[in-house]
């Protein structure tokens, strides 16, 4: 039940966090973006609704607003509260995104292995998603099914439809950027900052319904926040009360062998947020998991005295760990053909910084230019210059427990289209995690 099965179907992509410093002469267009110097919104959330196990807030102002949803209790109770407070929005996302994927599937299967593409054409998208759910169910945490049942019961959406929607995102090609910076790279050397920029396209329904969901589980784990959309229950971006941050990117080429039977990587990363309290626990979880498709995973940890950011090269047969000290080469041939003049990148490290994503030459330029004075606001500024994070851009302050979020322009909004050019909202995540039921 998951995204991972779909990842197997597609080997297409959300995004990795982590990143690599690349010795490459920037192409003229790579730093053609404008620095985002808009003031960050720093107000307080405004309560607009509540129910037994949840409360709903609005943050931001003008057209740069989104919901913050608090849910409490068991997995079922949290899913039910989600549906009670955001039922119409969840219905719109679930039904609208399935229709979007159905309309786009012809484009996406062109990237799949021939036999897999032929199979999807023969059985249809829904049957392919159903088969993926069956194959991954033995490795999927039971809480995920319970939460989906709660959402379905509260909204009236058929459970099967909710399940199918939650396997769609990895069918969509995404060229994302992520970076981690700490120690000597920062103005405040005690911190750890992380960027999760989601270049996911801005032509679907998602940007109309952005939500930060703050989970307060009554059993199994601690509070954490997932950044996504109404009705969306897995983790593509988020941070936890333990100071953990996540991100991911599907690889352009396979790492070793792959499998379609294993834990969906999105749920694995959500488990990192909900259950892990340090980087070693997260590393053990990833290294010992029943893994599936080829993907890059990124995990940051900034609580207490810990300042660590790691990249994981991940597949059924592979689980390699990289830091700023041991990354020397990226050899994703297809990506290199698209973005480099040479066969591959010759890399060099940058102390206390890891990055990976689109426009790597520009990233290298802006990070070297600003090394030693990086702040959350400066990362926002750099994201605009690099032009990364069109649908969603999030900066985590994993030591101070703050989060900065920006979303793409909604279909009825005005102004700049891409999230990296719009106004960011600062959330005091420590307050969010500590908030009791209303």
Protein backbone atom coordinates (compact mmCIF):
# COMPACT_ATOMS: atom_id res chain seq x y z
CA UNK A 1 0.00 0.00 0.00
CA UNK A 2 2.14 2.87 -0.87
CA UNK A 3 4.07 5.00 -3.05
CA UNK A 4 6.86 2.57 -3.38
CA UNK A 5 4.99 0.25 -5.59
CA UNK A 6 4.30 3.08 -7.90
CA UNK A 7 7.93 4.02 -7.65
CA UNK A 8 8.60 0.55 -8.99
CA UNK A 9 6.15 1.19 -11.75
CA UNK A 10 7.83 4.35 -12.72
CA UNK A 11 11.27 4.87 -11.35
CA UNK A 12 10.14 8.43 -11.58
CA UNK A 13 10.39 10.79 -8.90
CA UNK A 14 9.89 12.90 -5.87
CA UNK A 15 13.17 14.28 -4.60
CA UNK A 16 16.25 13.79 -2.54
CA UNK A 17 17.62 15.94 -0.08
CA UNK A 18 21.03 15.79 0.47
CA UNK A 19 23.42 16.92 -2.02
CA UNK A 20 26.51 16.96 -3.82
CA UNK A 21 28.83 19.76 -4.71
CA UNK A 22 29.69 19.69 -8.35
CA UNK A 23 32.68 21.14 -10.15
CA UNK A 24 30.95 22.45 -13.21
CA UNK A 25 30.96 25.75 -15.05
CA UNK A 26 27.45 27.14 -14.67
CA UNK A 27 25.58 27.51 -17.91
CA UNK A 28 24.33 31.05 -18.56
CA UNK A 29 20.70 30.13 -17.89
CA UNK A 30 21.33 28.33 -14.61
CA UNK A 31 21.38 31.41 -12.38
CA UNK A 32 18.81 33.33 -14.35
CA UNK A 33 16.33 33.37 -11.46
CA UNK A 34 15.67 36.36 -9.24
CA UNK A 35 16.57 36.42 -5.57
CA UNK A 36 13.49 36.09 -3.38
CA UNK A 37 13.71 39.08 -1.03
CA UNK A 38 10.05 39.20 0.01
CA UNK A 39 9.60 39.62 3.78
CA UNK A 40 8.77 36.37 5.57
CA UNK A 41 5.34 36.29 7.25
CA UNK A 42 5.78 35.77 11.00
CA UNK A 43 2.29 36.10 12.46
CA UNK A 44 0.28 33.70 14.62
CA UNK A 45 -2.02 30.94 13.29
CA UNK A 46 -5.73 31.86 13.32
CA UNK A 47 -8.19 29.20 14.52
CA UNK A 48 -11.11 28.68 12.11
CA UNK A 49 -12.61 25.32 13.13
CA UNK A 50 -12.22 22.42 15.53
CA UNK A 51 -13.56 18.97 16.32
CA UNK A 52 -12.98 16.33 19.00
CA UNK A 53 -9.58 15.21 17.73
CA UNK A 54 -8.51 18.13 15.58
CA UNK A 55 -8.26 21.86 15.06
CA UNK A 56 -7.83 23.86 11.85
CA UNK A 57 -5.91 27.12 11.43
CA UNK A 58 -4.98 29.55 8.68
CA UNK A 59 -1.52 31.11 8.41
CA UNK A 60 -0.12 33.75 6.09
CA UNK A 61 -1.90 36.73 4.59
CA UNK A 62 -3.30 37.86 1.26
CA UNK A 63 -3.03 35.10 -1.31
CA UNK A 64 -0.07 33.45 0.41
CA UNK A 65 -2.17 31.56 2.95
CA UNK A 66 -2.57 27.88 3.72
CA UNK A 67 -4.08 25.63 6.37
CA UNK A 68 -2.35 24.18 9.41
CA UNK A 69 -4.21 21.11 10.63
CA UNK A 70 -3.66 19.57 14.07
CA UNK A 71 -4.83 15.97 14.54
CA UNK A 72 -4.76 13.94 17.77
CA UNK A 73 -5.27 10.36 18.96
CA UNK A 74 -5.00 7.01 17.22
CA UNK A 75 -4.26 6.69 13.51
CA UNK A 76 -7.96 6.22 12.76
CA UNK A 77 -8.95 9.19 14.92
CA UNK A 78 -6.37 11.42 13.25
CA UNK A 79 -7.55 10.39 9.78
CA UNK A 80 -11.17 10.97 10.77
CA UNK A 81 -10.40 14.43 12.18
CA UNK A 82 -8.58 15.28 8.95
CA UNK A 83 -11.70 14.37 6.97
CA UNK A 84 -14.03 16.24 9.32
CA UNK A 85 -12.09 19.50 9.08
CA UNK A 86 -10.94 19.36 5.45
CA UNK A 87 -13.55 17.11 3.84
CA UNK A 88 -14.37 19.18 0.72
CA UNK A 89 -10.71 19.95 0.11
CA UNK A 90 -9.70 16.30 0.54
CA UNK A 91 -12.44 15.22 -1.86
CA UNK A 92 -11.20 17.71 -4.43
CA UNK A 93 -7.59 16.53 -4.16
CA UNK A 94 -8.32 12.80 -4.19
CA UNK A 95 -10.75 12.84 -7.12
CA UNK A 96 -9.02 15.64 -9.01
CA UNK A 97 -5.54 14.19 -8.76
CA UNK A 98 -6.66 10.74 -9.87
CA UNK A 99 -8.29 12.32 -12.92
CA UNK A 100 -5.12 14.32 -13.61
CA UNK A 101 -2.96 11.20 -13.43
CA UNK A 102 -5.30 9.30 -15.73
CA UNK A 103 -5.07 12.09 -18.30
CA UNK A 104 -1.27 12.23 -18.05
CA UNK A 105 -0.48 8.53 -17.88
CA UNK A 106 0.39 8.28 -21.57
CA UNK A 107 3.27 10.69 -21.03
CA UNK A 108 4.62 8.96 -17.94
CA UNK A 109 4.67 5.38 -19.16
CA UNK A 110 7.02 6.45 -21.93
CA UNK A 111 9.73 6.56 -19.24
CA UNK A 112 9.01 3.03 -17.97
CA UNK A 113 10.61 -0.23 -19.01
CA UNK A 114 8.83 -1.54 -22.10
CA UNK A 115 7.21 -4.57 -20.45
CA UNK A 116 5.94 -2.49 -17.54
CA UNK A 117 4.51 0.18 -19.83
CA UNK A 118 2.78 -2.49 -21.92
CA UNK A 119 1.32 -4.03 -18.75
CA UNK A 120 -0.13 -0.71 -17.58
CA UNK A 121 -1.60 -0.09 -21.02
CA UNK A 122 -3.18 -3.53 -20.96
CA UNK A 123 -4.66 -3.54 -17.43
CA UNK A 124 -5.21 0.20 -16.95
CA UNK A 125 -3.98 2.64 -14.33
CA UNK A 126 -6.41 1.65 -11.57
CA UNK A 127 -5.60 -2.06 -11.88
CA UNK A 128 -1.88 -1.28 -11.80
CA UNK A 129 -2.30 0.75 -8.62
CA UNK A 130 -4.42 -1.98 -7.04
CA UNK A 131 -1.76 -4.57 -7.83
CA UNK A 132 0.91 -2.38 -6.30
CA UNK A 133 -1.12 -2.07 -3.10
CA UNK A 134 -1.39 -5.84 -2.82
CA UNK A 135 2.33 -6.39 -3.34
CA UNK A 136 3.43 -3.82 -0.78
CA UNK A 137 0.79 -4.45 1.88
CA UNK A 138 2.85 -6.97 3.92
CA UNK A 139 5.49 -4.29 4.47
CA UNK A 140 3.19 -1.31 5.00
CA UNK A 141 2.62 -0.17 8.60
CA UNK A 142 -0.93 -0.89 9.76
CA UNK A 143 -1.38 2.66 11.03
CA UNK A 144 -1.41 3.90 7.44
CA UNK A 145 -4.43 1.75 6.52
CA UNK A 146 -6.20 2.82 9.70
CA UNK A 147 -5.62 6.51 8.98
CA UNK A 148 -6.89 6.12 5.41
CA UNK A 149 -10.02 4.36 6.70
CA UNK A 150 -10.61 7.27 9.07
CA UNK A 151 -10.27 9.77 6.21
CA UNK A 152 -12.60 7.75 4.00
CA UNK A 153 -15.25 7.34 6.72
CA UNK A 154 -15.28 11.07 7.52
CA UNK A 155 -15.40 12.27 3.92
CA UNK A 156 -17.49 9.60 2.23
CA UNK A 157 -14.72 8.94 -0.31
CA UNK A 158 -14.47 5.25 -1.16
CA UNK A 159 -11.55 3.73 0.73
CA UNK A 160 -10.23 2.08 -2.43
CA UNK A 161 -10.06 5.50 -4.10
CA UNK A 162 -8.12 6.98 -1.18
CA UNK A 163 -5.66 4.10 -1.42
CA UNK A 164 -5.20 4.51 -5.16
CA UNK A 165 -4.54 8.24 -4.84
CA UNK A 166 -1.80 7.58 -2.31
CA UNK A 167 0.13 5.57 -4.86
CA UNK A 168 0.11 8.20 -7.60
CA UNK A 169 2.78 10.81 -6.79
CA UNK A 170 5.74 8.66 -7.82
CA UNK A 171 4.32 8.37 -11.31
CA UNK A 172 5.01 12.07 -11.75
CA UNK A 173 8.45 13.17 -12.87
CA UNK A 174 9.93 15.67 -10.42
CA UNK A 175 13.27 17.45 -10.63
CA UNK A 176 13.82 18.66 -7.09
CA UNK A 177 16.53 20.31 -5.03
CA UNK A 178 17.58 19.82 -1.44
CA UNK A 179 20.46 20.96 0.66
CA UNK A 180 21.73 20.74 4.19
CA UNK A 181 24.03 23.28 5.85
CA UNK A 182 25.46 23.41 9.36
CA UNK A 183 28.45 24.51 11.41
CA UNK A 184 30.87 26.75 9.56
CA UNK A 185 28.50 27.25 6.62
CA UNK A 186 26.01 29.16 8.78
CA UNK A 187 25.84 32.53 10.45
CA UNK A 188 24.74 30.63 13.57
CA UNK A 189 27.22 27.77 13.74
CA UNK A 190 25.07 25.89 16.29
CA UNK A 191 22.26 25.25 13.82
CA UNK A 192 21.31 22.84 11.03
CA UNK A 193 19.29 24.16 8.10
CA UNK A 194 17.73 22.06 5.37
CA UNK A 195 15.94 22.91 2.12
CA UNK A 196 13.31 20.73 0.50
CA UNK A 197 12.33 22.21 -2.89
CA UNK A 198 9.67 20.27 -4.79
CA UNK A 199 9.75 20.81 -8.56
CA UNK A 200 6.62 18.79 -9.22
CA UNK A 201 4.83 20.88 -11.84
CA UNK A 202 2.12 23.47 -11.30
CA UNK A 203 -0.58 22.21 -13.66
CA UNK A 204 -2.50 19.91 -11.30
CA UNK A 205 -4.99 20.63 -8.53
CA UNK A 206 -2.47 20.29 -5.69
CA UNK A 207 -1.43 23.94 -5.33
CA UNK A 208 -5.06 24.90 -4.58
CA UNK A 209 -5.10 22.90 -1.32
CA UNK A 210 -1.79 23.19 0.59
CA UNK A 211 -1.81 21.93 4.18
CA UNK A 212 0.73 21.44 6.94
CA UNK A 213 -0.59 18.56 9.04
CA UNK A 214 0.71 18.41 12.61
CA UNK A 215 0.34 14.92 14.05
CA UNK A 216 -0.04 14.35 17.81
CA UNK A 217 -0.22 10.54 18.10
CA UNK A 218 -1.59 9.19 21.39
CA UNK A 219 0.45 6.00 20.92
CA UNK A 220 3.47 5.07 18.84
CA UNK A 221 5.80 7.99 18.41
CA UNK A 222 6.09 11.71 18.93
CA UNK A 223 4.66 14.84 17.30
CA UNK A 224 5.70 15.66 13.74
CA UNK A 225 4.58 17.85 10.83
CA UNK A 226 3.95 16.69 7.26
CA UNK A 227 3.91 19.31 4.49
CA UNK A 228 1.61 18.47 1.59
CA UNK A 229 -2.04 18.81 0.61
CA UNK A 230 -5.52 18.08 1.92
CA UNK A 231 -6.25 14.36 1.98
CA UNK A 232 -2.55 13.51 1.58
CA UNK A 233 -1.33 11.26 4.39
CA UNK A 234 2.21 10.20 3.51
CA UNK A 235 5.47 12.06 3.98
CA UNK A 236 7.15 13.84 1.09
CA UNK A 237 8.34 16.74 3.24
CA UNK A 238 8.30 17.39 6.95
CA UNK A 239 10.09 17.72 10.27
CA UNK A 240 9.56 16.32 13.75
CA UNK A 241 9.59 17.42 17.37
CA UNK A 242 12.83 15.42 17.67
CA UNK A 243 14.51 17.75 15.16
CA UNK A 244 14.49 15.30 12.23
CA UNK A 245 13.90 16.40 8.61
CA UNK A 246 13.27 14.34 5.47
CA UNK A 247 13.44 14.48 1.71
CA UNK A 248 13.82 12.13 -1.26
CA UNK A 249 14.47 11.87 -5.01
CA UNK A 250 14.01 8.90 -7.29
CA UNK A 251 17.15 8.06 -9.24
CA UNK A 252 17.42 8.41 -13.00
CA UNK A 253 19.13 5.03 -13.22
CA UNK A 254 18.81 1.88 -11.05
CA UNK A 255 21.18 1.13 -8.17
CA UNK A 256 21.79 -2.60 -8.17
CA UNK A 257 18.65 -4.74 -8.04
CA UNK A 258 15.10 -3.61 -7.36
CA UNK A 259 11.99 -5.18 -5.91
CA UNK A 260 8.30 -4.42 -5.86
CA UNK A 261 7.80 -6.06 -2.46
CA UNK A 262 8.87 -3.84 0.40
CA UNK A 263 7.98 -0.83 2.48
CA UNK A 264 6.95 2.23 0.47
CA UNK A 265 9.78 4.72 0.84
CA UNK A 266 7.38 7.58 1.60
CA UNK A 267 6.09 5.63 4.59
CA UNK A 268 9.61 4.74 5.61
CA UNK A 269 10.48 8.42 5.67
CA UNK A 270 7.31 9.25 7.57
CA UNK A 271 8.37 6.62 10.14
CA UNK A 272 11.67 8.48 10.47
CA UNK A 273 9.70 11.56 11.47
CA UNK A 274 7.28 9.80 13.79
CA UNK A 275 9.59 7.40 15.59
CA UNK A 276 13.30 8.29 15.25
CA UNK A 277 15.11 10.72 17.53
CA UNK A 278 18.60 10.80 16.01
CA UNK A 279 20.48 10.17 12.79
CA UNK A 280 21.75 6.75 13.84
CA UNK A 281 18.22 5.46 14.40
CA UNK A 282 17.16 6.78 11.01
CA UNK A 283 20.23 5.20 9.39
CA UNK A 284 19.47 1.81 10.96
CA UNK A 285 15.85 2.03 9.80
CA UNK A 286 16.91 2.70 6.23
CA UNK A 287 19.72 0.15 6.13
CA UNK A 288 17.61 -2.71 7.53
CA UNK A 289 14.36 -1.97 5.66
CA UNK A 290 12.81 -4.20 3.01
CA UNK A 291 13.73 -1.75 0.27
CA UNK A 292 12.33 -1.49 -3.23
CA UNK A 293 13.11 0.95 -6.04
CA UNK A 294 16.21 3.02 -6.67
CA UNK A 295 16.00 6.33 -4.86
CA UNK A 296 18.06 8.90 -3.02
CA UNK A 297 16.92 9.63 0.54
CA UNK A 298 18.03 12.54 2.70
CA UNK A 299 17.78 12.87 6.48
CA UNK A 300 18.79 15.76 8.71
CA UNK A 301 19.04 15.76 12.51
CA UNK A 302 19.45 18.94 14.53
CA UNK A 303 18.15 18.32 18.06
CA UNK A 304 20.34 18.75 21.12
CA UNK A 305 24.04 18.61 20.31
CA UNK A 306 23.53 16.60 17.12
CA UNK A 307 24.15 18.30 13.76
CA UNK A 308 24.14 15.76 10.98
CA UNK A 309 22.87 15.45 7.45
CA UNK A 310 23.19 12.29 5.37
CA UNK A 311 22.33 11.09 1.89
CA UNK A 312 21.34 7.47 1.27
CA UNK A 313 21.73 5.71 -2.06
CA UNK A 314 18.85 3.29 -1.74
CA UNK A 315 17.50 0.25 -3.60
CA UNK A 316 16.54 -3.35 -2.84
CA UNK A 317 20.20 -4.39 -2.91
CA UNK A 318 21.90 -1.09 -2.02
CA UNK A 319 22.06 1.13 1.04
CA UNK A 320 25.08 3.41 0.94
CA UNK A 321 25.54 6.40 3.24
CA UNK A 322 27.17 9.67 2.16
CA UNK A 323 28.27 12.79 4.03
CA UNK A 324 30.09 15.95 3.03
CA UNK A 325 33.34 14.03 3.60
CA UNK A 326 32.90 11.04 1.30
CA UNK A 327 30.90 12.19 -1.70
CA UNK A 328 33.28 12.34 -4.64
CA UNK A 329 31.29 11.39 -7.73
CA UNK A 330 27.79 11.38 -9.09
CA UNK A 331 27.35 9.06 -12.02
CA UNK A 332 23.72 9.25 -13.04
CA UNK A 333 24.36 8.95 -16.75
CA UNK A 334 20.98 10.13 -17.97
CA UNK A 335 21.01 13.18 -15.72
CA UNK A 336 24.54 14.02 -16.79
CA UNK A 337 23.62 13.85 -20.47
CA UNK A 338 20.85 16.36 -19.82
CA UNK A 339 22.77 18.75 -17.59
CA UNK A 340 26.49 18.36 -18.30
CA UNK A 341 28.77 18.59 -21.28
CA UNK A 342 30.92 15.75 -19.93
CA UNK A 343 30.10 12.10 -19.26
CA UNK A 344 29.85 12.68 -15.52
CA UNK A 345 30.51 15.23 -12.81
CA UNK A 346 33.85 15.53 -11.10
CA UNK A 347 32.83 16.56 -7.65
CA UNK A 348 34.48 18.37 -4.83
CA UNK A 349 33.26 18.75 -1.29
CA UNK A 350 32.26 21.90 0.53
CA UNK A 351 32.71 21.81 4.28
CA UNK A 352 29.45 21.52 6.26
CA UNK A 353 27.26 21.58 3.14
CA UNK A 354 25.58 18.87 1.04
CA UNK A 355 23.30 19.57 -1.89
CA UNK A 356 21.67 17.87 -4.85
CA UNK A 357 19.11 18.97 -7.38
CA UNK A 358 18.47 20.95 -10.51
CA UNK A 359 20.89 23.57 -11.86
CA UNK A 360 23.83 22.21 -9.91
CA UNK A 361 26.29 24.72 -11.34
CA UNK A 362 24.16 27.56 -10.03
CA UNK A 363 23.82 25.85 -6.65
CA UNK A 364 27.59 25.55 -6.46
CA UNK A 365 27.97 29.22 -7.27
CA UNK A 366 25.46 30.57 -4.76
CA UNK A 367 26.58 28.28 -1.94
CA UNK A 368 30.24 29.18 -2.32
CA UNK A 369 29.33 32.84 -2.54
CA UNK A 370 27.38 32.63 0.73
CA UNK A 371 29.30 29.99 2.68
CA UNK A 372 29.71 31.08 6.30
CA UNK A 373 26.66 33.35 6.38
CA UNK A 374 23.76 31.08 5.46
CA UNK A 375 20.45 31.74 7.24
CA UNK A 376 16.89 30.55 6.52
CA UNK A 377 16.19 33.81 4.73
CA UNK A 378 19.33 33.43 2.63
CA UNK A 379 18.29 29.90 1.59
CA UNK A 380 14.95 31.36 0.47
CA UNK A 381 16.88 34.00 -1.48
CA UNK A 382 19.11 31.36 -3.09
CA UNK A 383 16.16 29.16 -4.06
CA UNK A 384 14.80 32.01 -6.13
CA UNK A 385 18.12 32.49 -7.89
CA UNK A 386 18.42 28.80 -8.67
CA UNK A 387 14.73 28.61 -9.67
CA UNK A 388 13.93 25.47 -7.74
CA UNK A 389 10.79 24.59 -5.80
CA UNK A 390 8.04 25.44 -8.27
CA UNK A 391 5.19 23.63 -6.44
CA UNK A 392 6.48 23.68 -2.87
CA UNK A 393 9.51 25.02 -1.05
CA UNK A 394 10.27 24.33 2.61
CA UNK A 395 13.21 25.36 4.80
CA UNK A 396 13.68 23.47 8.08
CA UNK A 397 15.51 24.96 11.05
CA UNK A 398 16.08 21.62 12.76
CA UNK A 399 17.84 23.02 15.82
CA UNK A 400 15.59 26.01 16.50
CA UNK A 401 12.47 24.05 15.42
CA UNK A 402 11.14 26.56 12.92
CA UNK A 403 9.82 25.89 9.44
CA UNK A 404 9.45 28.21 6.43
CA UNK A 405 6.88 27.23 3.79
CA UNK A 406 5.85 28.59 0.39
CA UNK A 407 3.38 27.20 -2.15
CA UNK A 408 2.76 27.77 -5.84
CA UNK A 409 0.04 30.17 -6.99
CA UNK A 410 -3.43 28.68 -6.77
CA UNK A 411 -5.69 28.59 -9.81
CA UNK A 412 -7.68 31.60 -8.56
CA UNK A 413 -4.73 33.59 -7.24
CA UNK A 414 -2.53 36.25 -8.80
CA UNK A 415 1.16 37.09 -8.73
CA UNK A 416 4.17 34.88 -9.37
CA UNK A 417 3.44 31.27 -10.26
CA UNK A 418 6.25 29.39 -8.56
CA UNK A 419 6.62 28.82 -4.84
CA UNK A 420 10.26 29.94 -4.89
CA UNK A 421 9.15 33.42 -6.02
CA UNK A 422 6.29 33.81 -3.55
CA UNK A 423 6.15 34.91 0.07
CA UNK A 424 7.21 32.36 2.70
CA UNK A 425 5.38 31.75 5.97
CA UNK A 426 7.37 31.08 9.13
CA UNK A 427 5.92 28.50 11.52
CA UNK A 428 7.11 28.13 15.10
CA UNK A 429 7.24 24.35 14.96
CA UNK A 430 8.11 24.01 18.64
CA UNK A 431 4.77 25.66 19.50
CA UNK A 432 2.93 23.54 16.96
CA UNK A 433 4.32 20.31 18.40
CA UNK A 434 3.50 21.36 21.97
CA UNK A 435 -0.08 22.43 21.25
CA UNK A 436 -2.72 20.58 23.26
CA UNK A 437 -6.21 19.70 22.04
CA UNK A 438 -8.50 22.72 21.77
